[in-house]
Amino acid sequence: MPNARTPRAATADDAPSISRSLARAFDDDPLMCWLLPDATTRGERLERWFTTLFRRQYAPHGRCELTDSGAAFWVPPEARDKAVPDADAVRELVDVLGDRAALLRDVVEQVAAHTPGAPHWYLAVIGADPRVRGQGHGAALLRSGLARADAAGLPVHLESSKPENIPFYEHFGFTVSAEIRPHADGPPLWPMWRPARSAEGR
């Protein structure tokens, strides 16, 4: 029997569980705290945020996996041009951010400018409920996606929005490729890159 840390492919019915886990995981994330500064409404808004991303963007075109208390959204190279928000998704995300929505445009533009052009797997979102932090949920989700990239012989790209997460990713072979600050009064982001590996060389 799989344990609570065993990743499995997400289905539409998993949206509430995924959104709750990711909302708790990102409640103290510097970027999300900047975009959603009201701590009293942040949790509810984050649940709506991740529900929209899952249902309208990554579930239809990427690969979404979850454990009992965490989730990850991946985009393979062949889905890169499709896994973008449609008009309805944009409206929902703007509604979540309210008067902070214009700030997101700066973030998206800067991130796009630092996205490698070579084919790669992209880790768009990964997180686990803080109540199970340190129990291996994030590592299991990361290993699962990396195994798919390795099987295809492809590199992997992500952006870390938390400096304390950088050593975690470095442990799995990522290196920081840049530091970007999408807005003058906003937090930095760190694009990270993991070169292609063979499945045998992991």
N, C-alpha and C. Protein backbone atom coordinates (compact mmCIF):
# COMPACT_ATOMS: atom_id res chain seq x y z
N MET A 1 0.84 -1.20 0.00
CA MET A 1 0.00 0.00 0.00
C MET A 1 0.88 1.25 0.00
N PRO A 2 0.55 2.25 -0.83
CA PRO A 2 1.33 3.48 -0.83
C PRO A 2 1.17 4.22 0.49
N ASN A 3 2.25 4.89 0.93
CA ASN A 3 2.13 5.66 2.16
C ASN A 3 1.74 7.10 1.84
N ALA A 4 1.62 7.91 2.89
CA ALA A 4 1.12 9.28 2.74
C ALA A 4 2.04 10.14 1.88
N ARG A 5 3.30 9.73 1.74
CA ARG A 5 4.27 10.52 0.98
C ARG A 5 4.42 10.04 -0.47
N THR A 6 3.67 9.03 -0.86
CA THR A 6 3.81 8.50 -2.21
C THR A 6 3.05 9.37 -3.20
N PRO A 7 3.74 10.01 -4.17
CA PRO A 7 3.02 10.85 -5.14
C PRO A 7 2.12 10.02 -6.05
N ARG A 8 1.01 10.61 -6.40
CA ARG A 8 0.11 10.02 -7.39
C ARG A 8 -0.41 11.12 -8.30
N ALA A 9 -0.84 10.73 -9.48
CA ALA A 9 -1.38 11.70 -10.43
C ALA A 9 -2.68 12.29 -9.88
N ALA A 10 -2.82 13.60 -10.02
CA ALA A 10 -4.01 14.29 -9.51
C ALA A 10 -5.16 14.16 -10.49
N THR A 11 -6.37 14.16 -9.95
CA THR A 11 -7.59 14.21 -10.74
C THR A 11 -8.37 15.47 -10.37
N ALA A 12 -9.41 15.75 -11.11
CA ALA A 12 -10.21 16.94 -10.84
C ALA A 12 -10.76 16.95 -9.42
N ASP A 13 -11.07 15.76 -8.89
CA ASP A 13 -11.62 15.68 -7.54
C ASP A 13 -10.62 16.08 -6.46
N ASP A 14 -9.33 16.14 -6.83
CA ASP A 14 -8.30 16.48 -5.85
C ASP A 14 -8.12 17.98 -5.67
N ALA A 15 -8.84 18.79 -6.43
CA ALA A 15 -8.63 20.24 -6.38
C ALA A 15 -8.72 20.81 -4.97
N PRO A 16 -9.73 20.47 -4.17
CA PRO A 16 -9.80 21.06 -2.82
C PRO A 16 -8.61 20.69 -1.95
N SER A 17 -8.20 19.42 -1.99
CA SER A 17 -7.06 18.97 -1.18
C SER A 17 -5.78 19.66 -1.62
N ILE A 18 -5.56 19.72 -2.93
CA ILE A 18 -4.36 20.37 -3.46
C ILE A 18 -4.33 21.84 -3.06
N SER A 19 -5.45 22.53 -3.23
CA SER A 19 -5.49 23.96 -2.94
C SER A 19 -5.25 24.25 -1.46
N ARG A 20 -5.80 23.42 -0.58
CA ARG A 20 -5.57 23.61 0.85
C ARG A 20 -4.10 23.41 1.21
N SER A 21 -3.50 22.33 0.70
CA SER A 21 -2.10 22.06 1.01
C SER A 21 -1.20 23.17 0.51
N LEU A 22 -1.41 23.61 -0.73
CA LEU A 22 -0.55 24.65 -1.30
C LEU A 22 -0.80 26.00 -0.65
N ALA A 23 -2.04 26.30 -0.29
CA ALA A 23 -2.32 27.57 0.39
C ALA A 23 -1.57 27.63 1.71
N ARG A 24 -1.55 26.53 2.44
CA ARG A 24 -0.81 26.51 3.71
C ARG A 24 0.69 26.59 3.46
N ALA A 25 1.16 25.91 2.41
CA ALA A 25 2.59 25.92 2.10
C ALA A 25 3.08 27.31 1.73
N PHE A 26 2.26 28.09 1.04
CA PHE A 26 2.69 29.39 0.52
C PHE A 26 2.22 30.56 1.38
N ASP A 27 1.65 30.28 2.54
CA ASP A 27 1.14 31.37 3.38
C ASP A 27 2.26 32.30 3.86
N ASP A 28 3.49 31.76 3.99
CA ASP A 28 4.61 32.60 4.42
C ASP A 28 5.61 32.85 3.29
N ASP A 29 5.22 32.53 2.07
CA ASP A 29 6.11 32.73 0.92
C ASP A 29 6.28 34.22 0.66
N PRO A 30 7.51 34.72 0.53
CA PRO A 30 7.71 36.16 0.36
C PRO A 30 6.96 36.77 -0.83
N LEU A 31 6.94 36.06 -1.96
CA LEU A 31 6.25 36.60 -3.12
C LEU A 31 4.75 36.68 -2.89
N MET A 32 4.17 35.63 -2.33
CA MET A 32 2.72 35.63 -2.11
C MET A 32 2.34 36.60 -0.99
N CYS A 33 3.20 36.76 0.00
CA CYS A 33 2.93 37.76 1.04
C CYS A 33 2.96 39.17 0.47
N TRP A 34 3.81 39.39 -0.52
CA TRP A 34 3.88 40.70 -1.16
C TRP A 34 2.66 40.94 -2.05
N LEU A 35 2.26 39.91 -2.78
CA LEU A 35 1.09 40.05 -3.65
C LEU A 35 -0.21 40.08 -2.85
N LEU A 36 -0.23 39.39 -1.72
CA LEU A 36 -1.43 39.31 -0.88
C LEU A 36 -1.05 39.73 0.54
N PRO A 37 -0.89 41.03 0.78
CA PRO A 37 -0.35 41.48 2.06
C PRO A 37 -1.30 41.34 3.25
N ASP A 38 -2.60 41.20 3.01
CA ASP A 38 -3.56 41.07 4.10
C ASP A 38 -3.56 39.63 4.62
N ALA A 39 -2.92 39.42 5.77
CA ALA A 39 -2.80 38.07 6.31
C ALA A 39 -4.16 37.47 6.69
N THR A 40 -5.14 38.30 6.96
CA THR A 40 -6.45 37.79 7.39
C THR A 40 -7.23 37.15 6.24
N THR A 41 -6.91 37.53 5.00
CA THR A 41 -7.60 36.96 3.84
C THR A 41 -6.68 36.13 2.95
N ARG A 42 -5.39 36.08 3.29
CA ARG A 42 -4.43 35.43 2.40
C ARG A 42 -4.74 33.95 2.20
N GLY A 43 -5.07 33.25 3.26
CA GLY A 43 -5.32 31.82 3.13
C GLY A 43 -6.44 31.51 2.17
N GLU A 44 -7.55 32.22 2.30
CA GLU A 44 -8.70 31.99 1.41
C GLU A 44 -8.36 32.36 -0.02
N ARG A 45 -7.64 33.45 -0.19
CA ARG A 45 -7.26 33.88 -1.53
C ARG A 45 -6.27 32.91 -2.17
N LEU A 46 -5.35 32.39 -1.37
CA LEU A 46 -4.41 31.41 -1.91
C LEU A 46 -5.12 30.13 -2.35
N GLU A 47 -6.12 29.72 -1.60
CA GLU A 47 -6.88 28.54 -2.04
C GLU A 47 -7.53 28.78 -3.39
N ARG A 48 -8.11 29.95 -3.58
CA ARG A 48 -8.71 30.28 -4.87
C ARG A 48 -7.64 30.34 -5.96
N TRP A 49 -6.49 30.92 -5.63
CA TRP A 49 -5.37 31.05 -6.57
C TRP A 49 -4.94 29.68 -7.10
N PHE A 50 -4.68 28.75 -6.18
CA PHE A 50 -4.18 27.44 -6.60
C PHE A 50 -5.28 26.59 -7.24
N THR A 51 -6.52 26.81 -6.85
CA THR A 51 -7.61 26.12 -7.53
C THR A 51 -7.66 26.53 -9.00
N THR A 52 -7.52 27.82 -9.26
CA THR A 52 -7.52 28.32 -10.64
C THR A 52 -6.34 27.76 -11.42
N LEU A 53 -5.14 27.84 -10.84
CA LEU A 53 -3.96 27.33 -11.54
C LEU A 53 -4.11 25.85 -11.85
N PHE A 54 -4.61 25.09 -10.90
CA PHE A 54 -4.74 23.65 -11.10
C PHE A 54 -5.79 23.34 -12.16
N ARG A 55 -6.99 23.89 -12.00
CA ARG A 55 -8.09 23.50 -12.88
C ARG A 55 -7.95 24.07 -14.28
N ARG A 56 -7.44 25.27 -14.41
CA ARG A 56 -7.48 25.94 -15.72
C ARG A 56 -6.14 25.95 -16.45
N GLN A 57 -5.05 25.69 -15.74
CA GLN A 57 -3.75 25.81 -16.38
C GLN A 57 -2.96 24.51 -16.37
N TYR A 58 -2.66 24.00 -15.19
CA TYR A 58 -1.71 22.89 -15.12
C TYR A 58 -2.35 21.51 -15.22
N ALA A 59 -3.54 21.32 -14.69
CA ALA A 59 -4.18 20.00 -14.85
C ALA A 59 -4.49 19.68 -16.31
N PRO A 60 -4.99 20.63 -17.11
CA PRO A 60 -5.28 20.29 -18.50
C PRO A 60 -4.04 20.06 -19.37
N HIS A 61 -2.93 20.72 -19.03
CA HIS A 61 -1.79 20.70 -19.96
C HIS A 61 -0.48 20.22 -19.34
N GLY A 62 -0.40 20.16 -18.02
CA GLY A 62 0.83 19.72 -17.38
C GLY A 62 0.66 18.36 -16.73
N ARG A 63 1.51 18.09 -15.76
CA ARG A 63 1.38 16.89 -14.94
C ARG A 63 1.32 17.34 -13.50
N CYS A 64 0.22 17.06 -12.84
CA CYS A 64 0.03 17.45 -11.45
C CYS A 64 0.02 16.20 -10.58
N GLU A 65 0.82 16.23 -9.53
CA GLU A 65 0.89 15.11 -8.61
C GLU A 65 0.66 15.61 -7.19
N LEU A 66 0.22 14.70 -6.33
CA LEU A 66 0.01 15.06 -4.93
C LEU A 66 0.34 13.91 -4.02
N THR A 67 0.65 14.27 -2.77
CA THR A 67 0.72 13.32 -1.68
C THR A 67 -0.46 13.66 -0.76
N ASP A 68 -0.49 13.07 0.41
CA ASP A 68 -1.59 13.38 1.32
C ASP A 68 -1.57 14.85 1.78
N SER A 69 -0.38 15.49 1.72
CA SER A 69 -0.27 16.85 2.26
C SER A 69 0.57 17.78 1.40
N GLY A 70 0.76 17.46 0.14
CA GLY A 70 1.56 18.30 -0.73
C GLY A 70 1.17 18.11 -2.18
N ALA A 71 1.70 18.97 -3.04
CA ALA A 71 1.39 18.88 -4.46
C ALA A 71 2.49 19.53 -5.28
N ALA A 72 2.57 19.13 -6.54
CA ALA A 72 3.53 19.71 -7.48
C ALA A 72 2.89 19.79 -8.85
N PHE A 73 3.14 20.88 -9.55
CA PHE A 73 2.66 21.09 -10.91
C PHE A 73 3.87 21.15 -11.83
N TRP A 74 3.92 20.27 -12.81
CA TRP A 74 5.03 20.18 -13.76
C TRP A 74 4.52 20.47 -15.17
N VAL A 75 5.41 21.00 -16.00
CA VAL A 75 5.08 21.23 -17.41
C VAL A 75 6.17 20.60 -18.27
N PRO A 76 5.83 19.56 -19.05
CA PRO A 76 6.81 19.00 -19.98
C PRO A 76 7.02 19.93 -21.16
N PRO A 77 8.11 19.80 -21.88
CA PRO A 77 8.40 20.75 -22.95
C PRO A 77 7.35 20.82 -24.03
N GLU A 78 6.69 19.71 -24.33
CA GLU A 78 5.70 19.72 -25.41
C GLU A 78 4.43 20.49 -25.02
N ALA A 79 4.26 20.76 -23.72
CA ALA A 79 3.07 21.48 -23.27
C ALA A 79 3.35 22.94 -22.93
N ARG A 80 4.57 23.37 -23.16
CA ARG A 80 4.98 24.71 -22.73
C ARG A 80 4.08 25.81 -23.29
N ASP A 81 3.73 25.73 -24.56
CA ASP A 81 2.93 26.79 -25.19
C ASP A 81 1.45 26.70 -24.82
N LYS A 82 1.03 25.56 -24.29
CA LYS A 82 -0.38 25.39 -23.94
C LYS A 82 -0.65 25.70 -22.47
N ALA A 83 0.33 25.46 -21.62
CA ALA A 83 0.13 25.60 -20.17
C ALA A 83 0.26 27.05 -19.73
N VAL A 84 -0.58 27.87 -20.30
CA VAL A 84 -0.63 29.29 -19.95
C VAL A 84 -2.08 29.63 -19.59
N PRO A 85 -2.29 30.65 -18.75
CA PRO A 85 -3.67 30.96 -18.36
C PRO A 85 -4.50 31.43 -19.55
N ASP A 86 -5.72 30.91 -19.66
CA ASP A 86 -6.64 31.42 -20.67
C ASP A 86 -7.34 32.67 -20.10
N ALA A 87 -8.22 33.26 -20.89
CA ALA A 87 -8.85 34.53 -20.48
C ALA A 87 -9.63 34.38 -19.18
N ASP A 88 -10.34 33.26 -19.02
CA ASP A 88 -11.10 33.05 -17.80
C ASP A 88 -10.17 32.91 -16.59
N ALA A 89 -9.07 32.20 -16.78
CA ALA A 89 -8.11 32.04 -15.69
C ALA A 89 -7.52 33.38 -15.29
N VAL A 90 -7.17 34.19 -16.27
CA VAL A 90 -6.62 35.51 -15.97
C VAL A 90 -7.61 36.33 -15.16
N ARG A 91 -8.87 36.29 -15.54
CA ARG A 91 -9.89 37.04 -14.80
C ARG A 91 -9.98 36.55 -13.35
N GLU A 92 -9.92 35.25 -13.16
CA GLU A 92 -10.00 34.71 -11.81
C GLU A 92 -8.78 35.11 -10.98
N LEU A 93 -7.61 35.05 -11.58
CA LEU A 93 -6.39 35.42 -10.86
C LEU A 93 -6.38 36.91 -10.51
N VAL A 94 -6.83 37.74 -11.44
CA VAL A 94 -6.92 39.17 -11.18
C VAL A 94 -7.89 39.45 -10.05
N ASP A 95 -8.99 38.71 -10.02
CA ASP A 95 -9.97 38.89 -8.95
C ASP A 95 -9.38 38.51 -7.60
N VAL A 96 -8.56 37.48 -7.57
CA VAL A 96 -7.91 37.08 -6.32
C VAL A 96 -6.99 38.18 -5.82
N LEU A 97 -6.22 38.79 -6.73
CA LEU A 97 -5.22 39.78 -6.33
C LEU A 97 -5.81 41.17 -6.10
N GLY A 98 -6.96 41.45 -6.68
CA GLY A 98 -7.57 42.76 -6.50
C GLY A 98 -6.67 43.86 -7.01
N ASP A 99 -6.45 44.90 -6.20
CA ASP A 99 -5.66 46.05 -6.65
C ASP A 99 -4.17 45.75 -6.73
N ARG A 100 -3.77 44.54 -6.39
CA ARG A 100 -2.35 44.15 -6.52
C ARG A 100 -2.10 43.42 -7.85
N ALA A 101 -3.13 43.27 -8.66
CA ALA A 101 -3.02 42.46 -9.88
C ALA A 101 -1.96 42.99 -10.84
N ALA A 102 -1.83 44.31 -10.91
CA ALA A 102 -0.85 44.89 -11.85
C ALA A 102 0.57 44.45 -11.52
N LEU A 103 0.83 44.17 -10.25
CA LEU A 103 2.17 43.74 -9.85
C LEU A 103 2.53 42.39 -10.44
N LEU A 104 1.51 41.55 -10.61
CA LEU A 104 1.77 40.22 -11.15
C LEU A 104 2.33 40.29 -12.57
N ARG A 105 1.90 41.28 -13.33
CA ARG A 105 2.39 41.41 -14.70
C ARG A 105 3.91 41.59 -14.71
N ASP A 106 4.44 42.38 -13.78
CA ASP A 106 5.89 42.57 -13.70
C ASP A 106 6.59 41.25 -13.39
N VAL A 107 6.00 40.47 -12.50
CA VAL A 107 6.58 39.17 -12.15
C VAL A 107 6.61 38.25 -13.36
N VAL A 108 5.48 38.15 -14.05
CA VAL A 108 5.37 37.26 -15.20
C VAL A 108 6.37 37.66 -16.29
N GLU A 109 6.51 38.96 -16.53
CA GLU A 109 7.43 39.42 -17.57
C GLU A 109 8.88 39.09 -17.23
N GLN A 110 9.26 39.30 -15.97
CA GLN A 110 10.64 39.02 -15.57
C GLN A 110 10.94 37.52 -15.60
N VAL A 111 9.98 36.73 -15.14
CA VAL A 111 10.17 35.29 -15.16
C VAL A 111 10.30 34.79 -16.59
N ALA A 112 9.45 35.30 -17.48
CA ALA A 112 9.52 34.89 -18.89
C ALA A 112 10.86 35.24 -19.51
N ALA A 113 11.40 36.39 -19.12
CA ALA A 113 12.69 36.82 -19.68
C ALA A 113 13.84 35.91 -19.25
N HIS A 114 13.67 35.19 -18.15
CA HIS A 114 14.72 34.31 -17.65
C HIS A 114 14.38 32.83 -17.83
N THR A 115 13.40 32.55 -18.68
CA THR A 115 13.05 31.16 -18.97
C THR A 115 13.93 30.64 -20.10
N PRO A 116 14.65 29.56 -19.89
CA PRO A 116 15.53 29.03 -20.94
C PRO A 116 14.74 28.64 -22.19
N GLY A 117 15.36 28.82 -23.34
CA GLY A 117 14.71 28.47 -24.60
C GLY A 117 14.83 27.00 -24.96
N ALA A 118 15.83 26.33 -24.41
CA ALA A 118 16.03 24.91 -24.72
C ALA A 118 14.90 24.06 -24.14
N PRO A 119 14.54 22.96 -24.79
CA PRO A 119 13.50 22.08 -24.24
C PRO A 119 13.86 21.63 -22.82
N HIS A 120 12.89 21.68 -21.92
CA HIS A 120 13.12 21.31 -20.54
C HIS A 120 11.79 21.03 -19.85
N TRP A 121 11.87 20.33 -18.73
CA TRP A 121 10.73 20.22 -17.84
C TRP A 121 10.74 21.43 -16.92
N TYR A 122 9.55 21.94 -16.61
CA TYR A 122 9.42 23.12 -15.75
C TYR A 122 8.64 22.74 -14.50
N LEU A 123 9.22 23.01 -13.35
CA LEU A 123 8.52 22.82 -12.08
C LEU A 123 7.86 24.14 -11.72
N ALA A 124 6.57 24.24 -11.98
CA ALA A 124 5.86 25.49 -11.78
C ALA A 124 5.52 25.76 -10.32
N VAL A 125 5.11 24.72 -9.62
CA VAL A 125 4.68 24.85 -8.22
C VAL A 125 5.02 23.58 -7.48
N ILE A 126 5.53 23.72 -6.26
CA ILE A 126 5.68 22.57 -5.38
C ILE A 126 5.55 23.08 -3.95
N GLY A 127 4.87 22.31 -3.12
CA GLY A 127 4.73 22.72 -1.73
C GLY A 127 4.07 21.65 -0.91
N ALA A 128 4.30 21.72 0.40
CA ALA A 128 3.67 20.79 1.34
C ALA A 128 3.17 21.58 2.54
N ASP A 129 2.10 21.09 3.12
CA ASP A 129 1.53 21.69 4.32
C ASP A 129 2.62 21.79 5.39
N PRO A 130 2.81 22.96 6.01
CA PRO A 130 3.85 23.10 7.04
C PRO A 130 3.72 22.10 8.19
N ARG A 131 2.54 21.59 8.40
CA ARG A 131 2.36 20.64 9.50
C ARG A 131 3.08 19.32 9.24
N VAL A 132 3.45 19.06 7.98
CA VAL A 132 4.20 17.82 7.68
C VAL A 132 5.59 18.16 7.13
N ARG A 133 6.00 19.40 7.29
CA ARG A 133 7.31 19.79 6.76
C ARG A 133 8.40 18.95 7.42
N GLY A 134 9.34 18.52 6.62
CA GLY A 134 10.41 17.68 7.12
C GLY A 134 10.11 16.19 7.09
N GLN A 135 8.91 15.83 6.64
CA GLN A 135 8.53 14.41 6.59
C GLN A 135 8.70 13.81 5.19
N GLY A 136 9.23 14.57 4.25
CA GLY A 136 9.58 14.00 2.95
C GLY A 136 8.57 14.16 1.84
N HIS A 137 7.50 14.92 2.07
CA HIS A 137 6.50 15.08 1.02
C HIS A 137 7.08 15.85 -0.17
N GLY A 138 7.75 16.97 0.10
CA GLY A 138 8.33 17.75 -0.99
C GLY A 138 9.39 16.98 -1.74
N ALA A 139 10.25 16.27 -1.02
CA ALA A 139 11.30 15.48 -1.66
C ALA A 139 10.71 14.39 -2.54
N ALA A 140 9.65 13.74 -2.07
CA ALA A 140 9.04 12.68 -2.86
C ALA A 140 8.43 13.24 -4.14
N LEU A 141 7.77 14.38 -4.03
CA LEU A 141 7.18 15.01 -5.22
C LEU A 141 8.26 15.45 -6.19
N LEU A 142 9.35 16.00 -5.67
CA LEU A 142 10.43 16.45 -6.54
C LEU A 142 11.09 15.26 -7.24
N ARG A 143 11.37 14.21 -6.50
CA ARG A 143 12.00 13.03 -7.11
C ARG A 143 11.13 12.44 -8.22
N SER A 144 9.83 12.43 -7.99
CA SER A 144 8.92 11.86 -9.00
C SER A 144 9.01 12.61 -10.32
N GLY A 145 8.97 13.93 -10.26
CA GLY A 145 9.07 14.71 -11.49
C GLY A 145 10.44 14.63 -12.12
N LEU A 146 11.49 14.66 -11.29
CA LEU A 146 12.84 14.57 -11.83
C LEU A 146 13.07 13.24 -12.53
N ALA A 147 12.45 12.19 -12.02
CA ALA A 147 12.59 10.88 -12.67
C ALA A 147 12.03 10.91 -14.08
N ARG A 148 10.94 11.64 -14.28
CA ARG A 148 10.36 11.74 -15.62
C ARG A 148 11.28 12.55 -16.54
N ALA A 149 11.83 13.63 -16.02
CA ALA A 149 12.76 14.41 -16.83
C ALA A 149 14.00 13.59 -17.18
N ASP A 150 14.51 12.86 -16.20
CA ASP A 150 15.69 12.04 -16.44
C ASP A 150 15.40 10.94 -17.46
N ALA A 151 14.22 10.36 -17.38
CA ALA A 151 13.87 9.30 -18.34
C ALA A 151 13.85 9.85 -19.76
N ALA A 152 13.52 11.14 -19.89
CA ALA A 152 13.50 11.78 -21.22
C ALA A 152 14.84 12.42 -21.56
N GLY A 153 15.79 12.38 -20.63
CA GLY A 153 17.09 13.00 -20.87
C GLY A 153 17.03 14.51 -20.99
N LEU A 154 16.14 15.14 -20.20
CA LEU A 154 15.92 16.58 -20.32
C LEU A 154 16.28 17.32 -19.03
N PRO A 155 16.71 18.58 -19.17
CA PRO A 155 16.99 19.40 -17.99
C PRO A 155 15.68 19.88 -17.34
N VAL A 156 15.83 20.53 -16.18
CA VAL A 156 14.67 21.00 -15.43
C VAL A 156 14.93 22.43 -14.97
N HIS A 157 13.88 23.24 -15.02
CA HIS A 157 13.95 24.65 -14.63
C HIS A 157 12.88 24.94 -13.58
N LEU A 158 13.20 25.83 -12.65
CA LEU A 158 12.23 26.30 -11.66
C LEU A 158 12.63 27.70 -11.21
N GLU A 159 11.74 28.36 -10.46
CA GLU A 159 12.07 29.61 -9.78
C GLU A 159 11.80 29.41 -8.30
N SER A 160 12.79 29.68 -7.47
CA SER A 160 12.59 29.63 -6.03
C SER A 160 12.25 31.03 -5.54
N SER A 161 11.17 31.13 -4.76
CA SER A 161 10.79 32.41 -4.19
C SER A 161 11.14 32.51 -2.71
N LYS A 162 11.80 31.47 -2.19
CA LYS A 162 12.23 31.46 -0.79
C LYS A 162 13.71 31.14 -0.73
N PRO A 163 14.52 32.02 -0.16
CA PRO A 163 15.97 31.74 -0.13
C PRO A 163 16.31 30.47 0.63
N GLU A 164 15.53 30.16 1.68
CA GLU A 164 15.84 28.95 2.46
C GLU A 164 15.56 27.67 1.71
N ASN A 165 14.83 27.75 0.59
CA ASN A 165 14.57 26.54 -0.21
C ASN A 165 15.70 26.24 -1.19
N ILE A 166 16.58 27.21 -1.43
CA ILE A 166 17.64 27.01 -2.42
C ILE A 166 18.53 25.81 -2.08
N PRO A 167 19.00 25.64 -0.83
CA PRO A 167 19.81 24.44 -0.54
C PRO A 167 19.07 23.13 -0.79
N PHE A 168 17.77 23.13 -0.55
CA PHE A 168 16.97 21.93 -0.82
C PHE A 168 17.05 21.56 -2.29
N TYR A 169 16.87 22.55 -3.18
CA TYR A 169 16.95 22.27 -4.61
C TYR A 169 18.38 21.93 -5.04
N GLU A 170 19.36 22.59 -4.43
CA GLU A 170 20.75 22.29 -4.76
C GLU A 170 21.09 20.84 -4.44
N HIS A 171 20.50 20.31 -3.40
CA HIS A 171 20.73 18.91 -3.03
C HIS A 171 20.31 17.96 -4.16
N PHE A 172 19.34 18.40 -4.96
CA PHE A 172 18.85 17.58 -6.07
C PHE A 172 19.50 17.95 -7.41
N GLY A 173 20.55 18.75 -7.37
CA GLY A 173 21.31 19.03 -8.58
C GLY A 173 21.03 20.35 -9.26
N PHE A 174 20.20 21.20 -8.67
CA PHE A 174 19.92 22.50 -9.26
C PHE A 174 20.99 23.51 -8.86
N THR A 175 21.21 24.48 -9.72
CA THR A 175 22.07 25.62 -9.39
C THR A 175 21.33 26.91 -9.73
N VAL A 176 21.61 27.96 -8.96
CA VAL A 176 21.00 29.26 -9.22
C VAL A 176 21.60 29.83 -10.49
N SER A 177 20.73 30.26 -11.40
CA SER A 177 21.21 30.83 -12.66
C SER A 177 21.11 32.35 -12.68
N ALA A 178 20.33 32.95 -11.77
CA ALA A 178 20.19 34.40 -11.72
C ALA A 178 19.46 34.78 -10.44
N GLU A 179 19.50 36.06 -10.12
CA GLU A 179 18.63 36.62 -9.09
C GLU A 179 17.88 37.77 -9.74
N ILE A 180 16.56 37.72 -9.69
CA ILE A 180 15.77 38.76 -10.33
C ILE A 180 14.85 39.39 -9.29
N ARG A 181 14.58 40.68 -9.48
CA ARG A 181 13.67 41.41 -8.61
C ARG A 181 12.63 42.07 -9.51
N PRO A 182 11.47 41.42 -9.67
CA PRO A 182 10.48 41.92 -10.63
C PRO A 182 9.95 43.31 -10.35
N HIS A 183 10.01 43.74 -9.09
CA HIS A 183 9.49 45.06 -8.75
C HIS A 183 10.40 45.67 -7.69
N ALA A 184 10.56 46.97 -7.73
CA ALA A 184 11.52 47.63 -6.85
C ALA A 184 11.27 47.34 -5.38
N ASP A 185 10.00 47.26 -4.97
CA ASP A 185 9.72 47.03 -3.55
C ASP A 185 9.28 45.59 -3.27
N GLY A 186 9.49 44.71 -4.24
CA GLY A 186 9.09 43.32 -4.08
C GLY A 186 10.27 42.42 -3.76
N PRO A 187 9.99 41.16 -3.41
CA PRO A 187 11.06 40.22 -3.08
C PRO A 187 11.72 39.67 -4.34
N PRO A 188 12.95 39.16 -4.19
CA PRO A 188 13.63 38.56 -5.34
C PRO A 188 13.14 37.15 -5.63
N LEU A 189 13.46 36.69 -6.83
CA LEU A 189 13.24 35.31 -7.24
C LEU A 189 14.56 34.76 -7.76
N TRP A 190 14.73 33.45 -7.64
CA TRP A 190 15.97 32.82 -8.09
C TRP A 190 15.66 31.73 -9.10
N PRO A 191 15.81 31.99 -10.40
CA PRO A 191 15.72 30.91 -11.38
C PRO A 191 16.81 29.88 -11.12
N MET A 192 16.46 28.61 -11.23
CA MET A 192 17.41 27.52 -10.99
C MET A 192 17.31 26.51 -12.12
N TRP A 193 18.43 25.87 -12.39
CA TRP A 193 18.56 24.97 -13.54
C TRP A 193 19.24 23.68 -13.11
N ARG A 194 18.70 22.58 -13.58
CA ARG A 194 19.30 21.27 -13.35
C ARG A 194 19.59 20.65 -14.71
N PRO A 195 20.85 20.42 -15.03
CA PRO A 195 21.18 19.86 -16.35
C PRO A 195 20.57 18.50 -16.56
N ALA A 196 20.47 18.12 -17.82
CA ALA A 196 19.92 16.80 -18.17
C ALA A 196 20.77 15.70 -17.56
N ARG A 197 20.09 14.66 -17.12
CA ARG A 197 20.75 13.48 -16.60
C ARG A 197 20.07 12.26 -17.21
N SER A 198 20.83 11.21 -17.34
CA SER A 198 20.20 9.95 -17.76
C SER A 198 19.53 9.34 -16.55
N ALA A 199 18.53 8.52 -16.78
CA ALA A 199 17.85 7.84 -15.68
C ALA A 199 18.83 6.98 -14.88
N GLU A 200 19.84 6.43 -15.55
CA GLU A 200 20.80 5.57 -14.86
C GLU A 200 21.75 6.39 -14.01
N GLY A 201 21.91 7.69 -14.39
CA GLY A 201 22.90 8.51 -13.69
C GLY A 201 22.36 9.27 -12.51
N ARG A 202 21.12 9.05 -12.16
CA ARG A 202 20.53 9.80 -11.05
C ARG A 202 21.16 9.41 -9.73
